[in-house]
Protein backbone atom coordinates (compact mmCIF):
# COMPACT_ATOMS: atom_id res chain seq x y z
CA MET A 1 1.41 0.25 6.03
CA LYS A 2 -0.49 -3.09 5.62
CA ILE A 3 -2.49 -3.79 2.49
CA ILE A 4 -5.15 -6.41 3.05
CA ILE A 5 -5.39 -8.81 -0.03
CA VAL A 6 -9.23 -10.59 -0.41
CA GLY A 7 -8.53 -13.97 -2.85
CA ASN A 8 -5.43 -16.40 -3.49
CA GLY A 9 -6.01 -16.46 -6.99
CA VAL A 10 -4.33 -15.04 -10.48
CA ALA A 11 -5.39 -11.93 -9.37
CA GLY A 12 -4.65 -11.64 -5.74
CA ILE A 13 -1.40 -13.54 -6.09
CA SER A 14 -0.47 -11.05 -8.68
CA ALA A 15 -0.80 -8.05 -6.69
CA ALA A 16 0.86 -9.16 -4.32
CA GLU A 17 4.03 -10.08 -5.96
CA ALA A 18 3.97 -6.50 -7.65
CA ILE A 19 3.55 -4.94 -4.32
CA ARG A 20 6.82 -6.75 -2.64
CA ASN A 21 9.05 -6.97 -6.02
CA LYS A 22 8.58 -3.22 -5.82
CA ASN A 23 8.12 -2.70 -2.09
CA LYS A 24 9.72 -4.82 0.99
CA GLU A 25 8.76 -3.32 4.05
CA VAL A 26 4.82 -3.17 2.94
CA GLU A 27 2.77 -5.62 5.34
CA ILE A 28 0.71 -7.96 3.17
CA VAL A 29 -1.57 -10.30 4.73
CA MET A 30 -4.17 -12.17 2.23
CA TYR A 31 -7.07 -14.39 2.48
CA SER A 32 -8.69 -17.13 1.14
CA ASP A 33 -11.36 -19.17 2.09
CA GLU A 34 -9.58 -22.49 -0.02
CA LYS A 35 -7.40 -25.27 1.67
CA TYR A 36 -4.74 -25.28 -0.93
CA TYR A 37 -1.80 -22.47 -1.61
CA HIS A 38 -2.44 -20.73 -5.46
CA TYR A 39 -3.04 -23.11 -7.94
CA SER A 40 -3.85 -23.09 -11.78
CA ARG A 41 -7.80 -22.35 -12.17
CA PRO A 42 -7.34 -23.63 -15.92
CA ARG A 43 -5.73 -26.80 -14.72
CA VAL A 44 -8.39 -28.13 -12.25
CA ILE A 45 -9.96 -30.35 -15.33
CA GLU A 46 -6.59 -32.03 -15.30
CA TYR A 47 -7.06 -32.88 -12.40
CA LEU A 48 -11.20 -34.00 -12.72
CA SER A 49 -10.21 -36.37 -15.21
CA GLY A 50 -7.44 -38.34 -12.81
CA LYS A 51 -4.54 -37.80 -15.14
CA ILE A 52 -2.71 -35.06 -12.38
CA ASN A 53 -3.20 -35.10 -8.47
CA ALA A 54 -3.60 -31.63 -6.72
CA GLU A 55 0.15 -30.86 -6.01
CA LYS A 56 0.74 -30.62 -9.97
CA ILE A 57 -1.77 -27.30 -10.50
CA ILE A 58 -0.31 -25.79 -7.29
CA ILE A 59 1.56 -22.86 -8.30
CA LYS A 60 2.86 -21.29 -5.14
CA ASN A 61 3.55 -23.13 -2.25
CA LYS A 62 4.55 -22.54 1.16
CA GLU A 63 7.47 -21.60 0.67
CA PHE A 64 6.70 -18.78 -2.33
CA TYR A 65 4.91 -16.66 1.24
CA GLU A 66 7.26 -17.13 3.42
CA THR A 67 10.08 -15.84 1.09
CA ASN A 68 7.99 -13.06 -0.22
CA ASP A 69 6.73 -12.33 3.53
CA ILE A 70 2.94 -12.68 2.67
CA LYS A 71 0.79 -13.91 5.60
CA LEU A 72 -1.79 -16.44 3.90
CA ASN A 73 -4.74 -16.94 5.60
CA LEU A 74 -6.18 -20.38 3.92
CA ASN A 75 -9.84 -21.86 4.96
CA ILE A 76 -10.77 -18.25 6.03
CA LYS A 77 -13.61 -15.68 4.57
CA VAL A 78 -13.80 -12.61 4.65
CA GLU A 79 -17.39 -11.89 5.36
CA LYS A 80 -18.11 -8.42 5.17
CA ILE A 81 -15.81 -5.18 4.77
CA ASP A 82 -16.09 -2.20 7.32
CA THR A 83 -15.44 1.01 4.89
CA ASP A 84 -15.95 3.56 7.33
CA ASN A 85 -13.41 2.15 9.89
CA LYS A 86 -10.90 0.20 7.45
CA LYS A 87 -11.31 -3.52 8.56
CA VAL A 88 -12.51 -6.83 7.70
CA ILE A 89 -14.67 -9.15 9.12
CA LEU A 90 -13.90 -12.92 8.64
CA SER A 91 -15.34 -15.95 9.12
CA ASP A 92 -13.99 -16.87 12.01
CA GLY A 93 -15.47 -14.14 14.09
CA LYS A 94 -12.27 -11.66 14.25
CA GLU A 95 -11.70 -8.80 12.67
CA ASP A 96 -8.32 -7.40 10.73
CA ASN A 97 -7.50 -3.76 9.88
CA TYR A 98 -6.06 -1.98 6.32
CA ASP A 99 -4.42 1.05 5.16
CA LYS A 100 -5.30 -0.15 1.99
CA LEU A 101 -7.66 -3.25 0.41
CA ILE A 102 -7.39 -5.43 -2.93
CA ILE A 103 -10.21 -7.50 -3.19
CA ALA A 104 -9.66 -10.52 -5.55
CA THR A 105 -12.55 -12.63 -4.94
CA GLY A 106 -12.83 -13.81 -8.36
CA ALA A 107 -16.02 -15.74 -9.62
CA GLY A 108 -18.20 -18.52 -9.11
CA SER A 109 -20.27 -21.15 -11.75
CA PHE A 110 -23.20 -19.12 -12.34
CA LEU A 111 -26.10 -21.90 -11.55
CA PRO A 112 -29.06 -21.27 -13.65
CA PRO A 113 -32.35 -21.17 -11.77
CA VAL A 114 -33.54 -24.31 -12.94
CA LYS A 115 -36.43 -26.33 -10.99
CA GLY A 116 -34.09 -29.09 -9.56
CA ASN A 117 -31.02 -27.59 -9.59
CA GLU A 118 -30.59 -28.76 -5.83
CA LEU A 119 -30.66 -32.09 -6.53
CA THR A 120 -28.10 -34.61 -5.34
CA GLY A 121 -25.80 -35.38 -8.34
CA VAL A 122 -26.35 -31.81 -9.35
CA PHE A 123 -23.13 -30.28 -9.57
CA THR A 124 -21.28 -27.06 -10.83
CA LEU A 125 -17.27 -26.95 -11.37
CA ARG A 126 -14.67 -23.71 -10.41
CA THR A 127 -12.36 -25.10 -8.02
CA LEU A 128 -10.80 -27.92 -6.69
CA ASN A 129 -13.43 -28.42 -3.82
CA ASP A 130 -15.36 -28.53 -6.36
CA ALA A 131 -13.62 -31.17 -8.64
CA ASP A 132 -13.24 -33.34 -5.30
CA LYS A 133 -17.30 -33.66 -4.88
CA ILE A 134 -17.66 -34.36 -8.99
CA ILE A 135 -14.67 -37.31 -8.36
CA ASN A 136 -16.36 -38.74 -5.10
CA PHE A 137 -19.73 -39.07 -6.60
CA VAL A 138 -18.99 -40.06 -9.98
CA LYS A 139 -16.58 -43.55 -9.98
CA ASP A 140 -19.23 -45.70 -9.78
CA LYS A 141 -21.90 -43.50 -12.63
CA LYS A 142 -22.37 -44.43 -16.29
CA SER A 143 -23.82 -41.19 -17.46
CA VAL A 144 -23.05 -37.84 -16.97
CA VAL A 145 -24.70 -34.52 -18.57
CA ILE A 146 -22.93 -31.37 -18.90
CA ILE A 147 -25.21 -28.11 -19.75
CA GLY A 148 -23.17 -25.59 -21.18
CA GLY A 149 -21.17 -25.92 -24.35
CA GLY A 150 -18.32 -23.45 -24.00
CA LEU A 151 -14.91 -24.08 -22.99
CA LEU A 152 -15.55 -25.44 -19.56
CA GLY A 153 -18.26 -27.41 -20.89
CA LEU A 154 -16.13 -28.88 -23.33
CA GLU A 155 -13.36 -30.02 -20.95
CA SER A 156 -15.10 -31.16 -19.06
CA ALA A 157 -16.94 -33.80 -20.79
CA MET A 158 -13.89 -35.07 -22.50
CA SER A 159 -12.28 -35.51 -18.97
CA LEU A 160 -15.26 -37.52 -17.22
CA LYS A 161 -15.70 -39.32 -20.63
CA ASN A 162 -12.71 -41.09 -18.98
CA THR A 163 -15.13 -42.14 -16.26
CA VAL A 164 -18.05 -42.63 -17.29
CA ASN A 165 -19.19 -44.69 -20.58
CA GLU A 166 -21.87 -42.06 -21.78
CA VAL A 167 -21.68 -37.69 -22.02
CA PHE A 168 -23.51 -35.70 -23.85
CA VAL A 169 -23.25 -31.86 -24.05
CA VAL A 170 -26.24 -29.90 -24.26
CA GLU A 171 -25.77 -26.27 -25.32
CA PHE A 172 -28.69 -23.68 -25.53
CA PHE A 173 -27.49 -21.90 -28.44
CA GLU A 174 -27.07 -23.31 -32.29
CA ARG A 175 -23.97 -23.78 -31.82
CA LEU A 176 -21.09 -24.90 -28.97
CA LEU A 177 -18.32 -21.71 -28.14
CA PRO A 178 -20.50 -19.55 -29.23
CA ARG A 179 -18.06 -17.21 -27.53
CA GLN A 180 -15.06 -17.82 -29.22
CA LEU A 181 -16.28 -19.37 -32.84
CA ASP A 182 -18.75 -18.29 -35.67
CA LYS A 183 -21.27 -20.95 -36.65
CA GLU A 184 -18.76 -22.84 -39.42
CA ALA A 185 -15.97 -22.80 -37.54
CA ALA A 186 -18.63 -23.97 -34.42
CA ASP A 187 -19.47 -26.80 -36.43
CA PHE A 188 -15.89 -28.04 -37.87
CA PHE A 189 -15.31 -28.30 -33.94
CA GLN A 190 -18.20 -30.41 -33.15
CA ASN A 191 -17.58 -32.75 -35.96
CA ILE A 192 -14.04 -33.40 -34.52
CA ILE A 193 -15.12 -33.69 -30.78
CA GLU A 194 -18.04 -36.07 -31.92
CA LYS A 195 -15.61 -38.99 -33.68
CA LYS A 196 -14.31 -38.47 -29.86
CA GLY A 197 -17.44 -39.71 -28.47
CA LEU A 198 -18.77 -37.21 -26.90
CA LYS A 199 -23.08 -36.16 -27.74
CA ILE A 200 -24.33 -33.14 -28.87
CA LEU A 201 -27.59 -31.22 -27.90
CA LEU A 202 -27.79 -27.88 -29.67
CA ASN A 203 -30.60 -25.26 -29.35
CA LYS A 204 -31.58 -27.23 -25.45
CA GLN A 205 -33.15 -24.91 -22.91
CA THR A 206 -33.68 -27.19 -19.81
CA SER A 207 -36.64 -26.34 -17.57
CA GLU A 208 -36.50 -29.26 -15.22
CA ILE A 209 -34.86 -31.56 -13.55
CA THR A 210 -36.71 -34.33 -11.34
CA LYS A 211 -35.41 -37.52 -9.94
CA GLU A 212 -37.04 -40.89 -11.14
CA ASN A 213 -35.89 -44.42 -10.21
CA ASP A 214 -32.60 -42.89 -8.88
CA LYS A 215 -31.98 -41.17 -12.21
CA LEU A 216 -32.10 -37.94 -12.91
CA LYS A 217 -34.57 -36.34 -15.49
CA ILE A 218 -33.65 -33.92 -17.49
CA ILE A 219 -36.95 -32.11 -19.40
CA PHE A 220 -36.39 -30.06 -21.98
CA LYS A 221 -38.07 -26.78 -22.84
CA ASP A 222 -39.57 -28.68 -26.39
CA GLY A 223 -40.60 -31.65 -23.69
CA GLU A 224 -38.09 -33.98 -24.66
CA THR A 225 -36.10 -36.12 -21.90
CA LEU A 226 -32.92 -37.28 -20.88
CA TYR A 227 -31.73 -39.93 -18.39
CA THR A 228 -28.27 -39.47 -16.66
CA ASP A 229 -26.68 -40.29 -13.48
CA MET A 230 -25.34 -36.87 -12.74
CA VAL A 231 -25.44 -33.13 -14.55
CA LEU A 232 -22.67 -30.50 -14.33
CA PHE A 233 -24.03 -27.08 -14.89
CA SER A 234 -21.19 -25.40 -16.75
CA ALA A 235 -23.05 -22.25 -17.55
CA GLY A 236 -20.61 -18.97 -17.21
CA ILE A 237 -19.58 -17.13 -13.96
CA LYS A 238 -20.89 -14.98 -11.28
CA SER A 239 -18.90 -12.25 -9.91
CA ASN A 240 -17.96 -13.30 -6.15
CA ILE A 241 -19.72 -9.52 -4.88
CA ASP A 242 -20.90 -10.46 -1.70
CA ILE A 243 -18.77 -9.12 0.48
CA ILE A 244 -19.42 -5.27 -0.47
CA LYS A 245 -22.99 -5.66 -1.04
CA SER A 246 -23.57 -3.95 2.70
CA THR A 247 -21.05 -0.95 1.38
CA LYS A 248 -20.37 2.14 -0.79
CA ILE A 249 -18.32 0.41 -2.97
CA GLU A 250 -20.35 0.62 -6.29
CA PHE A 251 -21.02 -2.51 -8.31
CA ASN A 252 -23.37 -3.43 -11.32
CA LYS A 253 -22.73 -7.68 -11.95
CA GLY A 254 -19.04 -6.69 -10.93
CA ILE A 255 -17.56 -4.44 -8.78
CA LYS A 256 -17.04 -1.08 -10.75
CA ILE A 257 -13.18 0.04 -11.16
CA ASN A 258 -11.67 2.87 -13.14
CA SER A 259 -8.49 3.25 -15.00
CA ASN A 260 -6.52 2.47 -11.63
CA MET A 261 -8.09 -0.40 -10.48
CA GLU A 262 -9.96 1.64 -8.19
CA THR A 263 -13.39 1.12 -6.33
CA SER A 264 -15.91 4.01 -5.79
CA VAL A 265 -14.81 3.94 -2.06
CA LYS A 266 -11.00 5.26 -1.31
CA ASP A 267 -8.00 2.97 -0.53
CA ILE A 268 -9.96 0.14 -1.99
CA TYR A 269 -8.77 -1.68 -5.44
CA ALA A 270 -10.30 -4.84 -7.17
CA ALA A 271 -8.61 -7.11 -9.77
CA GLY A 272 -9.73 -9.96 -11.47
CA ASP A 273 -13.43 -11.67 -12.12
CA VAL A 274 -14.95 -10.31 -9.56
CA THR A 275 -14.04 -6.37 -11.53
CA GLU A 276 -16.40 -4.87 -14.03
CA PHE A 277 -14.32 -2.29 -16.42
CA ASN A 278 -16.48 -0.02 -18.93
CA GLY A 279 -19.35 -2.84 -18.46
CA ALA A 280 -17.27 -5.36 -19.10
CA ILE A 281 -16.37 -8.62 -17.11
CA TYR A 282 -13.48 -10.36 -18.60
CA GLY A 283 -13.57 -13.69 -17.05
CA ILE A 284 -10.39 -14.49 -18.52
CA TRP A 285 -6.82 -15.57 -16.82
CA PRO A 286 -4.61 -13.15 -18.50
CA ALA A 287 -6.72 -10.15 -17.87
CA ALA A 288 -7.26 -11.54 -14.13
CA LYS A 289 -2.87 -10.74 -14.09
CA GLU A 290 -2.82 -8.00 -15.79
CA GLN A 291 -5.48 -5.97 -13.31
CA GLY A 292 -3.74 -7.95 -10.37
CA ILE A 293 -0.38 -6.24 -10.91
CA ILE A 294 -2.00 -2.61 -11.42
CA ALA A 295 -3.98 -3.03 -8.41
CA GLY A 296 -0.93 -4.20 -6.58
CA LEU A 297 1.20 -1.26 -7.90
CA ASN A 298 -1.36 1.24 -7.83
CA SER A 299 -2.01 0.61 -4.01
CA ILE A 300 1.78 1.64 -3.40
CA GLY A 301 1.54 4.78 -5.13
CA GLU A 302 2.44 4.25 -8.69
CA ASN A 303 0.35 5.19 -11.16
CA ILE A 304 -0.47 2.57 -13.78
CA LYS A 305 -3.33 2.95 -16.15
CA TYR A 306 -5.51 -0.04 -17.43
CA ASN A 307 -6.81 0.26 -20.57
CA GLY A 308 -8.69 -3.02 -20.97
CA SER A 309 -7.50 -6.23 -22.29
CA VAL A 310 -7.96 -7.83 -25.98
CA ILE A 311 -10.46 -11.01 -25.38
CA SER A 312 -8.18 -13.79 -26.15
CA THR A 313 -8.36 -17.77 -25.67
CA LYS A 314 -5.51 -19.94 -27.39
CA LEU A 315 -5.65 -23.52 -25.22
CA LYS A 316 -6.37 -27.09 -25.96
CA VAL A 317 -10.28 -27.91 -25.70
CA THR A 318 -10.41 -31.56 -25.82
CA GLY A 319 -7.08 -32.23 -27.38
CA ILE A 320 -7.42 -29.59 -30.27
CA GLU A 321 -5.57 -26.64 -30.68
CA LEU A 322 -8.21 -23.52 -30.32
CA ALA A 323 -7.31 -19.84 -30.20
CA SER A 324 -9.96 -16.74 -30.71
CA ILE A 325 -8.82 -13.35 -30.46
CA GLY A 326 -10.90 -10.05 -30.73
CA ASN A 327 -13.91 -9.17 -32.30
CA ILE A 328 -15.47 -12.58 -34.54
CA ASP A 329 -19.07 -10.60 -35.42
CA LYS A 330 -19.30 -10.71 -38.99
CA LYS A 331 -20.61 -7.30 -40.26
CA GLU A 332 -21.41 -5.86 -43.41
CA ASP A 333 -18.27 -3.97 -43.19
CA VAL A 334 -15.84 -6.71 -41.98
CA ASP A 335 -14.10 -9.06 -44.48
CA VAL A 336 -13.55 -12.80 -43.65
CA TYR A 337 -10.27 -14.23 -44.82
CA THR A 338 -10.67 -18.46 -44.45
CA LYS A 339 -8.26 -21.49 -44.98
CA LYS A 340 -8.92 -24.64 -44.06
CA GLY A 341 -8.19 -28.60 -44.04
CA ASP A 342 -9.21 -31.72 -42.74
CA ASN A 343 -7.96 -30.83 -39.38
CA PHE A 344 -7.07 -27.34 -39.38
CA PHE A 345 -9.62 -24.38 -39.75
CA LYS A 346 -8.56 -20.74 -39.90
CA ARG A 347 -10.48 -17.24 -40.38
CA LEU A 348 -9.24 -13.86 -40.13
CA PHE A 349 -11.93 -10.84 -39.55
CA ILE A 350 -10.91 -7.28 -41.22
CA LYS A 351 -11.70 -3.96 -41.52
CA ASP A 352 -10.40 -1.45 -43.48
CA LYS A 353 -7.50 -3.67 -44.00
CA ILE A 354 -6.72 -3.90 -40.29
CA ILE A 355 -7.10 -7.49 -38.06
CA ILE A 356 -9.88 -7.08 -35.67
CA GLY A 357 -10.28 -10.85 -34.70
CA ALA A 358 -9.00 -14.45 -35.48
CA ILE A 359 -10.55 -18.25 -35.10
CA LEU A 360 -7.66 -21.09 -35.51
CA LEU A 361 -8.29 -24.34 -34.77
CA GLY A 362 -6.40 -27.21 -35.12
CA ASP A 363 -3.02 -24.95 -35.47
CA THR A 364 -2.25 -22.48 -33.20
CA THR A 365 1.28 -21.72 -34.49
CA ASP A 366 0.30 -18.21 -36.23
CA TYR A 367 -1.62 -16.57 -32.78
CA GLN A 368 1.19 -14.18 -31.86
CA LYS A 369 1.59 -13.04 -35.17
CA ILE A 370 -2.27 -12.31 -35.29
CA GLN A 371 -2.26 -10.86 -31.35
CA GLU A 372 0.34 -8.52 -32.52
CA ASN A 373 -1.40 -7.48 -35.31
CA ILE A 374 -4.41 -6.79 -33.98
CA LYS A 375 -2.64 -5.03 -31.08
CA ASN A 376 -0.60 -2.33 -33.45
CA LYS A 377 -3.73 -2.01 -36.26
CA VAL A 378 -1.26 -3.21 -38.86
CA LYS A 379 -2.49 -2.63 -42.07
CA VAL A 380 -2.51 -6.28 -43.94
CA GLU A 381 -2.57 -6.02 -47.38
CA GLU A 382 -2.31 -9.83 -48.35
CA PRO A 383 -4.12 -12.31 -45.46
CA SER A 384 -2.81 -14.93 -46.97
CA ASN A 385 0.78 -13.85 -45.89
CA ILE A 386 -0.49 -13.82 -42.11
CA ILE A 387 -2.27 -17.61 -42.22
């Protein structure tokens, strides 16, 4: 049996590894449109900052593929899928047949349809190739504007602060990290990062970007303007579904999958940021890894069910420990318990004595304990015993 995996990110590599650990005989062929071996996408930010080289974020090197008998084809894009004849059409004009197919093409950066988004000096950041272009452009520049105050936007801002004098972060919503923090936590966080030198503009919508005297001029919907040398859009992700649009594979914003990671077409599976499960595109590394493993195992005859992933984030944002777990919406039937000091902010969201969500800023030592409580729906009598 021959399995083709499209994509060499965490979902694709997890699928390949799961297959090979269980089955030494099946033929595994991978295609990637990038020039690098499998690397850590979350660490692209470190590369952008100039603190490490590309080799430092490579997770699986040439030896891994050779040892596991995985035929990896770099710099080759899968343009189309012929589902009737079970073959993929490649960017070099060749074709390749499969018995089973796993689509793990991930997602790209979403570029908002703002007039002027195609101008020189306007970028998005998702891959090492994107980072290379930004590094080459920004080396002699003085100011940068990041449009988007989410995780990637803030990390990009702090990374570029090492290179340029002035960095603005422009956020459409009333607070930073709107998916991970509530208003009070976001205010606490903003106060810390402004002390680090970032300039934050909230409730701002970009309507147009123009070129004026070798500068980029950002025009906001409220009429205010901002001049800069470079603009980086960090406005979320868009699933890479182009290769299935001419097929019978069902999709919405992502490829629709069932609990076995199967698409609507027999023998074709999908995993990672390209997928949509029960209406959700998770867009996080742990979910992509879990989906990849399940897709890989099911493609060789296992029957492993996927029940969705708990949305949780744990990382350092601009050097600050941050964790956001589960449901952080303040509703009437949800009790909120908060503990905070000068350098930390902790908040639990509790419904019927069961923790459904949490925010941890500055101190994430309770992360694992809280995640287990949420997963196992443990009743909590005294929240102070948790954080």
